[in-house]
Structure formats: C-alpha cells, structure tokens
C-alpha cells in the first residue's frame, strides 16, 4: 500500500558566487532538504527521498525561481 506525503518544492536563484538551490519543505513548511540542483544526492539521501531523485529534479528543473509547487510523492 502506497501513501502520499504532501511536501512543497521551490527553486531559489543563485548569484554569481552562489549556485541555484532547491528546497523541499513538509506540510508545515519546515525545511526537509536544501540542495544544489547539480548535487542533490547527499540531501535526498538524508531525508530518505533518494529513490525519488529523478522525479524531484524533473519538477525542480521545470520550476520558475521563487515558485512554490505542491509535491505529492507516493512513498
């Protein structure tokens, strides 16, 4: 049986010296993961979402900077 967890994903635009980042937050908007799009493995492993990395990166790459999107993943 699969259950869905509601989370939110947003992409933050970097600067010349700071790369773009992605945040994943839970339903209470608490920070779950924070990572560079180019290097998500460690953060996603820590929060047990590594098996959803491809799906998360596809969504993140399609987001506009500052846009918040509901992220419903079957876990």
PDB file of N, CA and C in Angstrom:
ATOM      1  N   UNK A   1       0.839  -1.182   0.000  1.00  0.00           N
ATOM      2  CA  UNK A   1       0.000   0.000   0.000  1.00  0.00           C
ATOM      3  C   UNK A   1       0.884   1.245   0.000  1.00  0.00           C
ATOM      4  N   UNK A   2       0.621   2.154  -0.922  1.00  0.00           N
ATOM      5  CA  UNK A   2       1.372   3.401  -1.015  1.00  0.00           C
ATOM      6  C   UNK A   2       0.600   4.503  -0.317  1.00  0.00           C
ATOM      7  N   UNK A   3       1.324   5.382   0.318  1.00  0.00           N
ATOM      8  CA  UNK A   3       0.676   6.568   0.840  1.00  0.00           C
ATOM      9  C   UNK A   3       1.399   7.782   0.282  1.00  0.00           C
ATOM     10  N   UNK A   4       0.662   8.850   0.116  1.00  0.00           N
ATOM     11  CA  UNK A   4       1.241  10.077  -0.416  1.00  0.00           C
ATOM     12  C   UNK A   4       1.591  11.006   0.734  1.00  0.00           C
ATOM     13  N   UNK A   5       2.717  11.636   0.596  1.00  0.00           N
ATOM     14  CA  UNK A   5       3.135  12.640   1.548  1.00  0.00           C
ATOM     15  C   UNK A   5       3.104  13.974   0.823  1.00  0.00           C
ATOM     16  N   UNK A   6       2.499  14.953   1.444  1.00  0.00           N
ATOM     17  CA  UNK A   6       2.437  16.272   0.822  1.00  0.00           C
ATOM     18  C   UNK A   6       3.640  17.085   1.276  1.00  0.00           C
ATOM     19  N   UNK A   7       4.357  17.571   0.292  1.00  0.00           N
ATOM     20  CA  UNK A   7       5.504  18.435   0.533  1.00  0.00           C
ATOM     21  C   UNK A   7       5.436  19.566  -0.477  1.00  0.00           C
ATOM     22  N   UNK A   8       6.325  20.505  -0.316  1.00  0.00           N
ATOM     23  CA  UNK A   8       6.404  21.629  -1.235  1.00  0.00           C
ATOM     24  C   UNK A   8       7.838  21.744  -1.736  1.00  0.00           C
ATOM     25  N   UNK A   9       7.977  22.167  -2.977  1.00  0.00           N
ATOM     26  CA  UNK A   9       9.294  22.318  -3.580  1.00  0.00           C
ATOM     27  C   UNK A   9       9.400  23.728  -4.133  1.00  0.00           C
ATOM     28  N   UNK A  10      10.556  24.349  -3.955  1.00  0.00           N
ATOM     29  CA  UNK A  10      10.784  25.652  -4.540  1.00  0.00           C
ATOM     30  C   UNK A  10      12.234  25.796  -4.963  1.00  0.00           C
ATOM     31  N   UNK A  11      12.453  26.629  -5.972  1.00  0.00           N
ATOM     32  CA  UNK A  11      13.795  26.838  -6.516  1.00  0.00           C
ATOM     33  C   UNK A  11      14.203  28.279  -6.244  1.00  0.00           C
ATOM     34  N   UNK A  12      15.413  28.427  -5.691  1.00  0.00           N
ATOM     35  CA  UNK A  12      15.947  29.734  -5.339  1.00  0.00           C
ATOM     36  C   UNK A  12      17.077  30.067  -6.291  1.00  0.00           C
ATOM     37  N   UNK A  13      16.990  31.253  -6.897  1.00  0.00           N
ATOM     38  CA  UNK A  13      18.020  31.658  -7.849  1.00  0.00           C
ATOM     39  C   UNK A  13      19.278  32.080  -7.116  1.00  0.00           C
ATOM     40  N   UNK A  14      20.391  31.566  -7.589  1.00  0.00           N
ATOM     41  CA  UNK A  14      21.673  31.921  -7.010  1.00  0.00           C
ATOM     42  C   UNK A  14      22.178  33.241  -7.550  1.00  0.00           C
ATOM     43  N   UNK A  15      23.424  33.528  -7.239  1.00  0.00           N
ATOM     44  CA  UNK A  15      24.083  34.740  -7.716  1.00  0.00           C
ATOM     45  C   UNK A  15      25.318  34.295  -8.491  1.00  0.00           C
ATOM     46  N   UNK A  16      26.201  35.243  -8.780  1.00  0.00           N
ATOM     47  CA  UNK A  16      27.439  34.882  -9.469  1.00  0.00           C
ATOM     48  C   UNK A  16      28.250  33.869  -8.665  1.00  0.00           C
ATOM     49  N   UNK A  17      28.248  34.024  -7.343  1.00  0.00           N
ATOM     50  CA  UNK A  17      29.083  33.181  -6.484  1.00  0.00           C
ATOM     51  C   UNK A  17      28.317  32.056  -5.807  1.00  0.00           C
ATOM     52  N   UNK A  18      26.996  32.156  -5.770  1.00  0.00           N
ATOM     53  CA  UNK A  18      26.169  31.148  -5.096  1.00  0.00           C
ATOM     54  C   UNK A  18      25.309  30.453  -6.145  1.00  0.00           C
ATOM     55  N   UNK A  19      25.338  29.115  -6.194  1.00  0.00           N
ATOM     56  CA  UNK A  19      24.546  28.397  -7.209  1.00  0.00           C
ATOM     57  C   UNK A  19      23.049  28.397  -6.887  1.00  0.00           C
ATOM     58  N   UNK A  20      22.257  27.980  -7.860  1.00  0.00           N
ATOM     59  CA  UNK A  20      20.821  27.818  -7.640  1.00  0.00           C
ATOM     60  C   UNK A  20      20.606  26.677  -6.647  1.00  0.00           C
ATOM     61  N   UNK A  21      19.609  26.833  -5.804  1.00  0.00           N
ATOM     62  CA  UNK A  21      19.278  25.810  -4.814  1.00  0.00           C
ATOM     63  C   UNK A  21      17.821  25.407  -4.921  1.00  0.00           C
ATOM     64  N   UNK A  22      17.527  24.226  -4.416  1.00  0.00           N
ATOM     65  CA  UNK A  22      16.161  23.728  -4.326  1.00  0.00           C
ATOM     66  C   UNK A  22      15.876  23.452  -2.862  1.00  0.00           C
ATOM     67  N   UNK A  23      14.679  23.818  -2.419  1.00  0.00           N
ATOM     68  CA  UNK A  23      14.228  23.494  -1.067  1.00  0.00           C
ATOM     69  C   UNK A  23      13.045  22.553  -1.165  1.00  0.00           C
ATOM     70  N   UNK A  24      13.006  21.572  -0.284  1.00  0.00           N
ATOM     71  CA  UNK A  24      11.826  20.734  -0.118  1.00  0.00           C
ATOM     72  C   UNK A  24      11.364  20.939   1.314  1.00  0.00           C
ATOM     73  N   UNK A  25      10.077  21.262   1.454  1.00  0.00           N
ATOM     74  CA  UNK A  25       9.504  21.553   2.764  1.00  0.00           C
ATOM     75  C   UNK A  25       8.303  20.646   3.001  1.00  0.00           C
ATOM     76  N   UNK A  26       8.035  20.346   4.273  1.00  0.00           N
ATOM     77  CA  UNK A  26       6.900  19.479   4.603  1.00  0.00           C
ATOM     78  C   UNK A  26       5.608  20.280   4.642  1.00  0.00           C
ATOM     79  N   UNK A  27       4.508  19.614   5.024  1.00  0.00           N
ATOM     80  CA  UNK A  27       3.193  20.263   5.018  1.00  0.00           C
ATOM     81  C   UNK A  27       3.109  21.437   5.995  1.00  0.00           C
ATOM     82  N   UNK A  28       3.995  21.473   6.993  1.00  0.00           N
ATOM     83  CA  UNK A  28       4.063  22.598   7.933  1.00  0.00           C
ATOM     84  C   UNK A  28       5.069  23.648   7.476  1.00  0.00           C
ATOM     85  N   UNK A  29       5.618  23.449   6.308  1.00  0.00           N
ATOM     86  CA  UNK A  29       6.607  24.306   5.676  1.00  0.00           C
ATOM     87  C   UNK A  29       7.963  24.281   6.381  1.00  0.00           C
ATOM     88  N   UNK A  30       8.220  23.219   7.151  1.00  0.00           N
ATOM     89  CA  UNK A  30       9.539  23.026   7.750  1.00  0.00           C
ATOM     90  C   UNK A  30      10.484  22.496   6.681  1.00  0.00           C
ATOM     91  N   UNK A  31      11.720  22.941   6.723  1.00  0.00           N
ATOM     92  CA  UNK A  31      12.711  22.543   5.731  1.00  0.00           C
ATOM     93  C   UNK A  31      13.075  21.073   5.883  1.00  0.00           C
ATOM     94  N   UNK A  32      12.938  20.308   4.795  1.00  0.00           N
ATOM     95  CA  UNK A  32      13.280  18.888   4.778  1.00  0.00           C
ATOM     96  C   UNK A  32      14.625  18.682   4.086  1.00  0.00           C
ATOM     97  N   UNK A  33      14.809  19.368   2.953  1.00  0.00           N
ATOM     98  CA  UNK A  33      16.042  19.228   2.176  1.00  0.00           C
ATOM     99  C   UNK A  33      16.359  20.549   1.491  1.00  0.00           C
ATOM    100  N   UNK A  34      17.651  20.795   1.323  1.00  0.00           N
ATOM    101  CA  UNK A  34      18.148  22.011   0.698  1.00  0.00           C
ATOM    102  C   UNK A  34      19.374  21.594  -0.086  1.00  0.00           C
ATOM    103  N   UNK A  35      19.357  21.747  -1.404  1.00  0.00           N
ATOM    104  CA  UNK A  35      20.475  21.229  -2.200  1.00  0.00           C
ATOM    105  C   UNK A  35      20.644  21.987  -3.509  1.00  0.00           C
ATOM    106  N   UNK A  36      21.877  21.876  -4.041  1.00  0.00           N
ATOM    107  CA  UNK A  36      22.149  22.405  -5.371  1.00  0.00           C
ATOM    108  C   UNK A  36      21.541  21.438  -6.375  1.00  0.00           C
ATOM    109  N   UNK A  37      20.963  21.965  -7.435  1.00  0.00           N
ATOM    110  CA  UNK A  37      20.389  21.095  -8.467  1.00  0.00           C
ATOM    111  C   UNK A  37      21.471  20.173  -9.022  1.00  0.00           C
ATOM    112  N   UNK A  38      22.697  20.656  -9.083  1.00  0.00           N
ATOM    113  CA  UNK A  38      23.794  19.855  -9.630  1.00  0.00           C
ATOM    114  C   UNK A  38      24.285  18.772  -8.669  1.00  0.00           C
ATOM    115  N   UNK A  39      23.867  18.816  -7.398  1.00  0.00           N
ATOM    116  CA  UNK A  39      24.375  17.850  -6.423  1.00  0.00           C
ATOM    117  C   UNK A  39      23.320  17.535  -5.356  1.00  0.00           C
ATOM    118  N   UNK A  40      22.262  16.801  -5.734  1.00  0.00           N
ATOM    119  CA  UNK A  40      21.167  16.535  -4.788  1.00  0.00           C
ATOM    120  C   UNK A  40      21.331  15.278  -3.933  1.00  0.00           C
ATOM    121  N   UNK A  41      22.279  14.412  -4.269  1.00  0.00           N
ATOM    122  CA  UNK A  41      22.312  13.066  -3.672  1.00  0.00           C
ATOM    123  C   UNK A  41      22.408  13.047  -2.156  1.00  0.00           C
ATOM    124  N   UNK A  42      23.315  13.810  -1.585  1.00  0.00           N
ATOM    125  CA  UNK A  42      23.506  13.771  -0.134  1.00  0.00           C
ATOM    126  C   UNK A  42      22.254  14.228   0.601  1.00  0.00           C
ATOM    127  N   UNK A  43      21.689  15.360   0.181  1.00  0.00           N
ATOM    128  CA  UNK A  43      20.496  15.892   0.864  1.00  0.00           C
ATOM    129  C   UNK A  43      19.307  14.954   0.718  1.00  0.00           C
ATOM    130  N   UNK A  44      19.125  14.392  -0.471  1.00  0.00           N
ATOM    131  CA  UNK A  44      17.983  13.496  -0.685  1.00  0.00           C
ATOM    132  C   UNK A  44      18.180  12.159   0.023  1.00  0.00           C
ATOM    133  N   UNK A  45      19.402  11.729   0.185  1.00  0.00           N
ATOM    134  CA  UNK A  45      19.677  10.503   0.938  1.00  0.00           C
ATOM    135  C   UNK A  45      19.342  10.724   2.413  1.00  0.00           C
ATOM    136  N   UNK A  46      19.741  11.879   2.951  1.00  0.00           N
ATOM    137  CA  UNK A  46      19.490  12.197   4.358  1.00  0.00           C
ATOM    138  C   UNK A  46      18.013  12.209   4.708  1.00  0.00           C
ATOM    139  N   UNK A  47      17.170  12.642   3.778  1.00  0.00           N
ATOM    140  CA  UNK A  47      15.735  12.734   4.086  1.00  0.00           C
ATOM    141  C   UNK A  47      14.950  11.583   3.455  1.00  0.00           C
ATOM    142  N   UNK A  48      15.645  10.528   3.063  1.00  0.00           N
ATOM    143  CA  UNK A  48      15.023   9.310   2.518  1.00  0.00           C
ATOM    144  C   UNK A  48      14.203   9.555   1.248  1.00  0.00           C
ATOM    145  N   UNK A  49      14.661  10.461   0.404  1.00  0.00           N
ATOM    146  CA  UNK A  49      13.982  10.717  -0.862  1.00  0.00           C
ATOM    147  C   UNK A  49      14.869  10.386  -2.067  1.00  0.00           C
ATOM    148  N   UNK A  50      15.981   9.723  -1.825  1.00  0.00           N
ATOM    149  CA  UNK A  50      16.919   9.430  -2.911  1.00  0.00           C
ATOM    150  C   UNK A  50      16.247   8.614  -4.023  1.00  0.00           C
ATOM    151  N   UNK A  51      15.317   7.754  -3.676  1.00  0.00           N
ATOM    152  CA  UNK A  51      14.625   6.929  -4.676  1.00  0.00           C
ATOM    153  C   UNK A  51      13.690   7.759  -5.549  1.00  0.00           C
ATOM    154  N   UNK A  52      13.443   9.016  -5.167  1.00  0.00           N
ATOM    155  CA  UNK A  52      12.587   9.928  -5.943  1.00  0.00           C
ATOM    156  C   UNK A  52      13.398  11.045  -6.606  1.00  0.00           C
ATOM    157  N   UNK A  53      14.731  10.887  -6.628  1.00  0.00           N
ATOM    158  CA  UNK A  53      15.608  11.948  -7.110  1.00  0.00           C
ATOM    159  C   UNK A  53      15.272  12.390  -8.535  1.00  0.00           C
ATOM    160  N   UNK A  54      15.093  11.460  -9.445  1.00  0.00           N
ATOM    161  CA  UNK A  54      14.819  11.821 -10.833  1.00  0.00           C
ATOM    162  C   UNK A  54      13.525  12.622 -10.957  1.00  0.00           C
ATOM    163  N   UNK A  55      12.488  12.173 -10.259  1.00  0.00           N
ATOM    164  CA  UNK A  55      11.190  12.870 -10.278  1.00  0.00           C
ATOM    165  C   UNK A  55      11.318  14.275  -9.680  1.00  0.00           C
ATOM    166  N   UNK A  56      12.022  14.387  -8.569  1.00  0.00           N
ATOM    167  CA  UNK A  56      12.204  15.678  -7.905  1.00  0.00           C
ATOM    168  C   UNK A  56      12.994  16.633  -8.802  1.00  0.00           C
ATOM    169  N   UNK A  57      14.063  16.147  -9.432  1.00  0.00           N
ATOM    170  CA  UNK A  57      14.871  17.007 -10.295  1.00  0.00           C
ATOM    171  C   UNK A  57      14.110  17.444 -11.539  1.00  0.00           C
ATOM    172  N   UNK A  58      13.284  16.574 -12.086  1.00  0.00           N
ATOM    173  CA  UNK A  58      12.464  16.946 -13.246  1.00  0.00           C
ATOM    174  C   UNK A  58      11.531  18.090 -12.876  1.00  0.00           C
ATOM    175  N   UNK A  59      10.888  17.974 -11.720  1.00  0.00           N
ATOM    176  CA  UNK A  59       9.985  19.033 -11.257  1.00  0.00           C
ATOM    177  C   UNK A  59      10.774  20.316 -10.988  1.00  0.00           C
ATOM    178  N   UNK A  60      11.905  20.201 -10.292  1.00  0.00           N
ATOM    179  CA  UNK A  60      12.711  21.373  -9.941  1.00  0.00           C
ATOM    180  C   UNK A  60      13.198  22.104 -11.187  1.00  0.00           C
ATOM    181  N   UNK A  61      13.631  21.366 -12.186  1.00  0.00           N
ATOM    182  CA  UNK A  61      14.125  21.995 -13.410  1.00  0.00           C
ATOM    183  C   UNK A  61      13.025  22.737 -14.160  1.00  0.00           C
ATOM    184  N   UNK A  62      11.777  22.335 -13.979  1.00  0.00           N
ATOM    185  CA  UNK A  62      10.661  22.994 -14.645  1.00  0.00           C
ATOM    186  C   UNK A  62      10.097  24.189 -13.895  1.00  0.00           C
ATOM    187  N   UNK A  63      10.555  24.386 -12.656  1.00  0.00           N
ATOM    188  CA  UNK A  63      10.037  25.491 -11.842  1.00  0.00           C
ATOM    189  C   UNK A  63      10.690  26.815 -12.214  1.00  0.00           C
ATOM    190  N   UNK A  64       9.928  27.883 -12.071  1.00  0.00           N
ATOM    191  CA  UNK A  64      10.496  29.221 -12.153  1.00  0.00           C
ATOM    192  C   UNK A  64      11.087  29.553 -10.794  1.00  0.00           C
ATOM    193  N   UNK A  65      12.069  30.441 -10.774  1.00  0.00           N
ATOM    194  CA  UNK A  65      12.664  30.838  -9.500  1.00  0.00           C
ATOM    195  C   UNK A  65      11.610  31.474  -8.600  1.00  0.00           C
ATOM    196  N   UNK A  66      11.633  31.083  -7.331  1.00  0.00           N
ATOM    197  CA  UNK A  66      10.697  31.640  -6.364  1.00  0.00           C
ATOM    198  C   UNK A  66       9.315  31.004  -6.390  1.00  0.00           C
ATOM    199  N   UNK A  67       9.071  30.138  -7.348  1.00  0.00           N
ATOM    200  CA  UNK A  67       7.768  29.474  -7.451  1.00  0.00           C
ATOM    201  C   UNK A  67       7.705  28.321  -6.454  1.00  0.00           C
ATOM    202  N   UNK A  68       6.598  28.208  -5.753  1.00  0.00           N
ATOM    203  CA  UNK A  68       6.377  27.113  -4.818  1.00  0.00           C
ATOM    204  C   UNK A  68       5.367  26.170  -5.446  1.00  0.00           C
ATOM    205  N   UNK A  69       5.678  24.888  -5.449  1.00  0.00           N
ATOM    206  CA  UNK A  69       4.769  23.913  -6.023  1.00  0.00           C
ATOM    207  C   UNK A  69       4.534  22.785  -5.030  1.00  0.00           C
ATOM    208  N   UNK A  70       3.300  22.350  -4.940  1.00  0.00           N
ATOM    209  CA  UNK A  70       2.966  21.204  -4.103  1.00  0.00           C
ATOM    210  C   UNK A  70       3.646  19.984  -4.709  1.00  0.00           C
ATOM    211  N   UNK A  71       4.229  19.170  -3.875  1.00  0.00           N
ATOM    212  CA  UNK A  71       4.964  17.989  -4.304  1.00  0.00           C
ATOM    213  C   UNK A  71       4.314  16.784  -3.639  1.00  0.00           C
ATOM    214  N   UNK A  72       3.566  16.012  -4.422  1.00  0.00           N
ATOM    215  CA  UNK A  72       2.920  14.836  -3.870  1.00  0.00           C
ATOM    216  C   UNK A  72       3.653  13.615  -4.387  1.00  0.00           C
ATOM    217  N   UNK A  73       4.321  12.917  -3.504  1.00  0.00           N
ATOM    218  CA  UNK A  73       5.103  11.749  -3.873  1.00  0.00           C
ATOM    219  C   UNK A  73       4.484  10.511  -3.236  1.00  0.00           C
ATOM    220  N   UNK A  74       4.397   9.450  -3.989  1.00  0.00           N
ATOM    221  CA  UNK A  74       3.983   8.167  -3.420  1.00  0.00           C
ATOM    222  C   UNK A  74       5.216   7.540  -2.794  1.00  0.00           C
ATOM    223  N   UNK A  75       5.146   7.310  -1.508  1.00  0.00           N
ATOM    224  CA  UNK A  75       6.312   6.760  -0.806  1.00  0.00           C
ATOM    225  C   UNK A  75       6.160   5.296  -0.517  1.00  0.00           C
TER     226      UNK A  75
END
